[in-house]
Amino acid sequence: MVIYSHKARRGRGFVLIEAAVAIAILLLATIPLASWMMSDARSLHDAYSRAIAVELVDGEMETLVAGAWRNYSEGTNVCHPAGNAARNLPPGQFLIIRHGDQLQLRWTPSGKCGIGAVTREATVK
């Protein structure tokens, strides 16, 4: 039969308390890191989406200025840009606004997302 002394029982209790305190300290240290990483990931996704929108708007504006603007009537027209990158954008709409020799191409997100509208303007001849 094994008989434990009171000192041995007290020592085991302190080890459990120390372990619980250590785990609590680790949790308190990692929660801010996790939230920082989540906000950083969201910022990176927004930057990626904005880069895609800028690339598509710039490419489509080059096509319009090269002569494709003649295919669109005066006023506001909906545009569907070519390219698979448009699938990675948040929901939104591409609009071509033509007033005489002034062209404006705009991508506007449909809902709330981390990026705003992307607009390019040009004068055609």
N, C-alpha and C. Protein backbone atom coordinates (compact mmCIF):
# COMPACT_ATOMS: atom_id res chain seq x y z
N MET A 1 0.84 -1.17 0.00
CA MET A 1 0.00 0.00 0.00
C MET A 1 0.88 1.24 0.00
N VAL A 2 0.48 2.21 -0.84
CA VAL A 2 1.25 3.44 -0.94
C VAL A 2 0.53 4.53 -0.17
N ILE A 3 1.27 5.20 0.68
CA ILE A 3 0.70 6.29 1.47
C ILE A 3 1.44 7.56 1.08
N TYR A 4 0.65 8.53 0.61
CA TYR A 4 1.24 9.82 0.21
C TYR A 4 1.22 10.76 1.40
N SER A 5 2.25 11.56 1.48
CA SER A 5 2.26 12.56 2.54
C SER A 5 1.48 13.79 2.08
N HIS A 6 1.18 14.67 2.97
CA HIS A 6 0.45 15.90 2.65
C HIS A 6 1.27 16.80 1.74
N LYS A 7 2.58 16.79 1.88
CA LYS A 7 3.44 17.62 1.03
C LYS A 7 3.36 17.18 -0.43
N ALA A 8 3.30 15.88 -0.66
CA ALA A 8 3.22 15.38 -2.04
C ALA A 8 1.89 15.78 -2.68
N ARG A 9 0.81 15.72 -1.92
CA ARG A 9 -0.50 16.13 -2.45
C ARG A 9 -0.52 17.61 -2.77
N ARG A 10 0.04 18.42 -1.91
CA ARG A 10 0.10 19.85 -2.15
C ARG A 10 0.94 20.16 -3.39
N GLY A 11 2.01 19.45 -3.58
CA GLY A 11 2.89 19.67 -4.74
C GLY A 11 2.18 19.38 -6.05
N ARG A 12 1.37 18.31 -6.07
CA ARG A 12 0.61 17.99 -7.29
C ARG A 12 -0.43 19.08 -7.57
N GLY A 13 -1.02 19.64 -6.59
CA GLY A 13 -2.00 20.71 -6.77
C GLY A 13 -1.37 21.96 -7.35
N PHE A 14 -0.16 22.29 -6.88
CA PHE A 14 0.53 23.47 -7.41
C PHE A 14 0.93 23.26 -8.86
N VAL A 15 1.30 22.07 -9.24
CA VAL A 15 1.65 21.79 -10.63
C VAL A 15 0.44 22.00 -11.53
N LEU A 16 -0.72 21.54 -11.10
CA LEU A 16 -1.93 21.74 -11.89
C LEU A 16 -2.29 23.21 -12.00
N ILE A 17 -2.14 23.95 -10.91
CA ILE A 17 -2.44 25.38 -10.95
C ILE A 17 -1.45 26.10 -11.87
N GLU A 18 -0.18 25.76 -11.80
CA GLU A 18 0.83 26.37 -12.68
C GLU A 18 0.53 26.08 -14.15
N ALA A 19 0.13 24.85 -14.43
CA ALA A 19 -0.21 24.48 -15.82
C ALA A 19 -1.41 25.28 -16.31
N ALA A 20 -2.43 25.42 -15.46
CA ALA A 20 -3.61 26.19 -15.85
C ALA A 20 -3.26 27.66 -16.09
N VAL A 21 -2.44 28.23 -15.25
CA VAL A 21 -2.02 29.62 -15.43
C VAL A 21 -1.20 29.77 -16.71
N ALA A 22 -0.32 28.83 -16.98
CA ALA A 22 0.49 28.89 -18.21
C ALA A 22 -0.39 28.82 -19.45
N ILE A 23 -1.38 27.95 -19.44
CA ILE A 23 -2.30 27.86 -20.58
C ILE A 23 -3.09 29.16 -20.74
N ALA A 24 -3.52 29.75 -19.65
CA ALA A 24 -4.26 31.02 -19.72
C ALA A 24 -3.39 32.13 -20.29
N ILE A 25 -2.13 32.17 -19.89
CA ILE A 25 -1.20 33.19 -20.43
C ILE A 25 -1.00 32.98 -21.92
N LEU A 26 -0.83 31.74 -22.35
CA LEU A 26 -0.68 31.46 -23.79
C LEU A 26 -1.92 31.86 -24.57
N LEU A 27 -3.09 31.59 -24.03
CA LEU A 27 -4.32 32.00 -24.70
C LEU A 27 -4.42 33.51 -24.81
N LEU A 28 -4.10 34.21 -23.75
CA LEU A 28 -4.16 35.67 -23.78
C LEU A 28 -3.15 36.25 -24.77
N ALA A 29 -2.06 35.56 -24.99
CA ALA A 29 -1.05 36.05 -25.94
C ALA A 29 -1.44 35.72 -27.38
N THR A 30 -2.13 34.61 -27.62
CA THR A 30 -2.42 34.21 -29.00
C THR A 30 -3.71 34.80 -29.55
N ILE A 31 -4.65 35.19 -28.71
CA ILE A 31 -5.91 35.76 -29.21
C ILE A 31 -5.66 37.06 -29.98
N PRO A 32 -4.87 38.02 -29.49
CA PRO A 32 -4.60 39.21 -30.30
C PRO A 32 -3.85 38.88 -31.59
N LEU A 33 -2.96 37.91 -31.55
CA LEU A 33 -2.25 37.52 -32.77
C LEU A 33 -3.21 36.95 -33.81
N ALA A 34 -4.15 36.14 -33.36
CA ALA A 34 -5.12 35.56 -34.29
C ALA A 34 -6.00 36.64 -34.91
N SER A 35 -6.45 37.60 -34.12
CA SER A 35 -7.29 38.66 -34.68
C SER A 35 -6.48 39.55 -35.63
N TRP A 36 -5.22 39.78 -35.31
CA TRP A 36 -4.37 40.55 -36.22
C TRP A 36 -4.19 39.81 -37.54
N MET A 37 -4.00 38.51 -37.49
CA MET A 37 -3.83 37.74 -38.72
C MET A 37 -5.10 37.73 -39.55
N MET A 38 -6.27 37.69 -38.91
CA MET A 38 -7.53 37.71 -39.64
C MET A 38 -7.74 39.06 -40.35
N SER A 39 -7.45 40.15 -39.67
CA SER A 39 -7.61 41.46 -40.30
C SER A 39 -6.58 41.64 -41.41
N ASP A 40 -5.40 41.10 -41.24
CA ASP A 40 -4.37 41.18 -42.27
C ASP A 40 -4.78 40.37 -43.50
N ALA A 41 -5.36 39.21 -43.29
CA ALA A 41 -5.83 38.39 -44.40
C ALA A 41 -6.94 39.12 -45.17
N ARG A 42 -7.83 39.79 -44.46
CA ARG A 42 -8.91 40.55 -45.12
C ARG A 42 -8.34 41.71 -45.94
N SER A 43 -7.34 42.39 -45.39
CA SER A 43 -6.70 43.49 -46.12
C SER A 43 -6.02 42.98 -47.39
N LEU A 44 -5.37 41.84 -47.29
CA LEU A 44 -4.72 41.27 -48.47
C LEU A 44 -5.74 40.87 -49.53
N HIS A 45 -6.87 40.32 -49.11
CA HIS A 45 -7.91 39.95 -50.06
C HIS A 45 -8.49 41.19 -50.75
N ASP A 46 -8.69 42.27 -49.99
CA ASP A 46 -9.19 43.51 -50.58
C ASP A 46 -8.20 44.08 -51.58
N ALA A 47 -6.91 44.05 -51.26
CA ALA A 47 -5.90 44.54 -52.19
C ALA A 47 -5.87 43.70 -53.46
N TYR A 48 -6.02 42.39 -53.31
CA TYR A 48 -6.06 41.49 -54.46
C TYR A 48 -7.26 41.81 -55.35
N SER A 49 -8.43 41.99 -54.75
CA SER A 49 -9.64 42.31 -55.51
C SER A 49 -9.51 43.65 -56.22
N ARG A 50 -8.93 44.63 -55.55
CA ARG A 50 -8.75 45.94 -56.18
C ARG A 50 -7.78 45.84 -57.36
N ALA A 51 -6.72 45.05 -57.22
CA ALA A 51 -5.77 44.89 -58.32
C ALA A 51 -6.45 44.25 -59.53
N ILE A 52 -7.31 43.27 -59.30
CA ILE A 52 -8.04 42.65 -60.41
C ILE A 52 -8.96 43.67 -61.07
N ALA A 53 -9.68 44.44 -60.28
CA ALA A 53 -10.59 45.45 -60.85
C ALA A 53 -9.83 46.47 -61.67
N VAL A 54 -8.71 46.94 -61.16
CA VAL A 54 -7.90 47.93 -61.90
C VAL A 54 -7.38 47.32 -63.21
N GLU A 55 -6.91 46.08 -63.15
CA GLU A 55 -6.40 45.42 -64.35
C GLU A 55 -7.48 45.26 -65.41
N LEU A 56 -8.67 44.84 -64.99
CA LEU A 56 -9.75 44.66 -65.95
C LEU A 56 -10.23 45.99 -66.53
N VAL A 57 -10.36 47.00 -65.69
CA VAL A 57 -10.81 48.31 -66.17
C VAL A 57 -9.77 48.91 -67.12
N ASP A 58 -8.49 48.81 -66.79
CA ASP A 58 -7.45 49.34 -67.68
C ASP A 58 -7.44 48.61 -69.02
N GLY A 59 -7.54 47.29 -68.98
CA GLY A 59 -7.53 46.51 -70.23
C GLY A 59 -8.74 46.82 -71.09
N GLU A 60 -9.89 46.93 -70.47
CA GLU A 60 -11.11 47.23 -71.23
C GLU A 60 -11.06 48.66 -71.79
N MET A 61 -10.48 49.59 -71.03
CA MET A 61 -10.37 50.97 -71.53
C MET A 61 -9.43 51.04 -72.74
N GLU A 62 -8.35 50.25 -72.70
CA GLU A 62 -7.45 50.21 -73.87
C GLU A 62 -8.20 49.71 -75.10
N THR A 63 -9.03 48.70 -74.92
CA THR A 63 -9.82 48.17 -76.04
C THR A 63 -10.81 49.22 -76.55
N LEU A 64 -11.44 49.94 -75.64
CA LEU A 64 -12.40 50.97 -76.04
C LEU A 64 -11.73 52.09 -76.81
N VAL A 65 -10.61 52.56 -76.31
CA VAL A 65 -9.90 53.66 -76.96
C VAL A 65 -9.38 53.24 -78.33
N ALA A 66 -9.07 51.96 -78.49
CA ALA A 66 -8.56 51.46 -79.77
C ALA A 66 -9.65 51.42 -80.85
N GLY A 67 -10.90 51.64 -80.48
CA GLY A 67 -11.96 51.69 -81.47
C GLY A 67 -13.24 50.98 -81.09
N ALA A 68 -13.22 50.19 -80.05
CA ALA A 68 -14.43 49.47 -79.66
C ALA A 68 -15.50 50.39 -79.08
N TRP A 69 -15.16 51.64 -78.79
CA TRP A 69 -16.14 52.58 -78.24
C TRP A 69 -17.28 52.83 -79.22
N ARG A 70 -17.01 52.63 -80.51
CA ARG A 70 -18.04 52.85 -81.53
C ARG A 70 -19.19 51.84 -81.41
N ASN A 71 -18.95 50.71 -80.76
CA ASN A 71 -19.98 49.68 -80.61
C ASN A 71 -20.99 50.03 -79.51
N TYR A 72 -20.75 51.09 -78.76
CA TYR A 72 -21.63 51.45 -77.64
C TYR A 72 -22.36 52.74 -77.96
N SER A 73 -23.63 52.79 -77.59
CA SER A 73 -24.45 53.98 -77.86
C SER A 73 -24.16 55.07 -76.84
N GLU A 74 -24.64 56.24 -77.14
CA GLU A 74 -24.51 57.39 -76.24
C GLU A 74 -25.24 57.08 -74.94
N GLY A 75 -24.67 57.49 -73.81
CA GLY A 75 -25.29 57.26 -72.51
C GLY A 75 -24.57 56.16 -71.73
N THR A 76 -25.30 55.46 -70.89
CA THR A 76 -24.73 54.44 -70.01
C THR A 76 -24.99 53.06 -70.58
N ASN A 77 -23.94 52.27 -70.69
CA ASN A 77 -24.01 50.91 -71.21
C ASN A 77 -23.35 49.94 -70.22
N VAL A 78 -23.90 48.75 -70.14
CA VAL A 78 -23.31 47.71 -69.30
C VAL A 78 -22.25 46.99 -70.11
N CYS A 79 -21.14 46.73 -69.48
CA CYS A 79 -20.00 46.08 -70.14
C CYS A 79 -19.70 44.75 -69.44
N HIS A 80 -19.33 43.76 -70.22
CA HIS A 80 -18.92 42.46 -69.68
C HIS A 80 -17.49 42.20 -70.14
N PRO A 81 -16.51 42.49 -69.30
CA PRO A 81 -15.12 42.37 -69.74
C PRO A 81 -14.72 40.92 -70.00
N ALA A 82 -13.85 40.77 -70.96
CA ALA A 82 -13.31 39.44 -71.27
C ALA A 82 -12.23 39.10 -70.24
N GLY A 83 -12.10 37.86 -69.96
CA GLY A 83 -11.06 37.43 -69.02
C GLY A 83 -11.64 36.65 -67.86
N ASN A 84 -10.90 35.66 -67.43
CA ASN A 84 -11.34 34.82 -66.33
C ASN A 84 -11.16 35.49 -64.97
N ALA A 85 -10.38 36.56 -64.94
CA ALA A 85 -10.11 37.22 -63.65
C ALA A 85 -11.36 37.86 -63.08
N ALA A 86 -12.35 38.17 -63.91
CA ALA A 86 -13.57 38.80 -63.43
C ALA A 86 -14.33 37.89 -62.47
N ARG A 87 -14.10 36.58 -62.54
CA ARG A 87 -14.77 35.66 -61.62
C ARG A 87 -14.26 35.81 -60.19
N ASN A 88 -13.06 36.36 -60.02
CA ASN A 88 -12.49 36.53 -58.68
C ASN A 88 -12.87 37.84 -58.03
N LEU A 89 -13.61 38.67 -58.75
CA LEU A 89 -14.05 39.95 -58.18
C LEU A 89 -15.28 39.76 -57.30
N PRO A 90 -15.46 40.63 -56.31
CA PRO A 90 -16.73 40.63 -55.59
C PRO A 90 -17.85 41.03 -56.56
N PRO A 91 -19.09 40.72 -56.26
CA PRO A 91 -20.18 41.11 -57.17
C PRO A 91 -20.16 42.61 -57.44
N GLY A 92 -20.31 42.95 -58.69
CA GLY A 92 -20.29 44.35 -59.08
C GLY A 92 -20.72 44.51 -60.53
N GLN A 93 -20.60 45.72 -61.04
CA GLN A 93 -21.06 46.00 -62.39
C GLN A 93 -20.06 46.91 -63.10
N PHE A 94 -19.77 46.57 -64.36
CA PHE A 94 -18.94 47.40 -65.22
C PHE A 94 -19.87 48.26 -66.08
N LEU A 95 -19.65 49.57 -66.05
CA LEU A 95 -20.46 50.49 -66.84
C LEU A 95 -19.58 51.33 -67.74
N ILE A 96 -20.04 51.52 -68.98
CA ILE A 96 -19.39 52.44 -69.91
C ILE A 96 -20.32 53.63 -70.07
N ILE A 97 -19.81 54.80 -69.78
CA ILE A 97 -20.60 56.02 -69.91
C ILE A 97 -19.99 56.83 -71.04
N ARG A 98 -20.77 57.05 -72.09
CA ARG A 98 -20.28 57.76 -73.27
C ARG A 98 -21.09 59.03 -73.48
N HIS A 99 -20.37 60.14 -73.52
CA HIS A 99 -20.97 61.44 -73.82
C HIS A 99 -20.10 62.10 -74.88
N GLY A 100 -20.53 62.02 -76.13
CA GLY A 100 -19.76 62.59 -77.24
C GLY A 100 -18.44 61.85 -77.38
N ASP A 101 -17.34 62.59 -77.26
CA ASP A 101 -16.02 61.96 -77.38
C ASP A 101 -15.41 61.61 -76.01
N GLN A 102 -16.20 61.74 -74.96
CA GLN A 102 -15.74 61.41 -73.60
C GLN A 102 -16.23 60.01 -73.21
N LEU A 103 -15.30 59.20 -72.76
CA LEU A 103 -15.63 57.85 -72.28
C LEU A 103 -15.27 57.73 -70.81
N GLN A 104 -16.11 57.04 -70.10
CA GLN A 104 -15.79 56.71 -68.72
C GLN A 104 -16.16 55.25 -68.51
N LEU A 105 -15.20 54.49 -67.98
CA LEU A 105 -15.43 53.09 -67.66
C LEU A 105 -15.33 52.96 -66.16
N ARG A 106 -16.35 52.35 -65.54
CA ARG A 106 -16.40 52.28 -64.09
C ARG A 106 -16.82 50.88 -63.65
N TRP A 107 -16.10 50.35 -62.67
CA TRP A 107 -16.53 49.14 -61.98
C TRP A 107 -16.97 49.56 -60.59
N THR A 108 -18.20 49.19 -60.23
CA THR A 108 -18.76 49.54 -58.93
C THR A 108 -19.19 48.26 -58.23
N PRO A 109 -18.70 48.03 -57.00
CA PRO A 109 -19.13 46.83 -56.29
C PRO A 109 -20.61 46.92 -55.91
N SER A 110 -21.29 45.78 -55.92
CA SER A 110 -22.72 45.75 -55.61
C SER A 110 -23.01 45.95 -54.13
N GLY A 111 -22.25 45.30 -53.30
CA GLY A 111 -22.50 45.38 -51.86
C GLY A 111 -21.34 46.02 -51.15
N LYS A 112 -21.34 45.83 -49.85
CA LYS A 112 -20.26 46.38 -49.04
C LYS A 112 -19.07 45.42 -49.11
N CYS A 113 -17.98 45.93 -49.59
CA CYS A 113 -16.73 45.18 -49.58
C CYS A 113 -15.62 46.17 -49.26
N GLY A 114 -14.43 45.69 -49.12
CA GLY A 114 -13.34 46.54 -48.67
C GLY A 114 -12.77 47.48 -49.73
N ILE A 115 -13.30 47.43 -50.94
CA ILE A 115 -12.76 48.29 -52.00
C ILE A 115 -13.87 49.15 -52.58
N GLY A 116 -13.50 50.27 -53.12
CA GLY A 116 -14.47 51.17 -53.72
C GLY A 116 -14.50 51.02 -55.23
N ALA A 117 -15.16 51.95 -55.88
CA ALA A 117 -15.29 51.93 -57.33
C ALA A 117 -13.94 52.23 -58.00
N VAL A 118 -13.76 51.65 -59.19
CA VAL A 118 -12.57 51.90 -59.99
C VAL A 118 -13.05 52.58 -61.27
N THR A 119 -12.49 53.75 -61.59
CA THR A 119 -12.96 54.53 -62.73
C THR A 119 -11.77 54.95 -63.60
N ARG A 120 -11.98 54.88 -64.92
CA ARG A 120 -11.00 55.40 -65.89
C ARG A 120 -11.76 56.25 -66.89
N GLU A 121 -11.14 57.35 -67.30
CA GLU A 121 -11.74 58.24 -68.27
C GLU A 121 -10.78 58.44 -69.43
N ALA A 122 -11.37 58.68 -70.63
CA ALA A 122 -10.54 58.92 -71.81
C ALA A 122 -11.33 59.76 -72.80
N THR A 123 -10.59 60.46 -73.66
CA THR A 123 -11.18 61.20 -74.76
C THR A 123 -10.83 60.48 -76.04
N VAL A 124 -11.82 60.16 -76.87
CA VAL A 124 -11.59 59.42 -78.10
C VAL A 124 -11.70 60.36 -79.29
N LYS A 125 -11.12 59.93 -80.37
CA LYS A 125 -11.14 60.74 -81.61
C LYS A 125 -11.85 60.01 -82.71
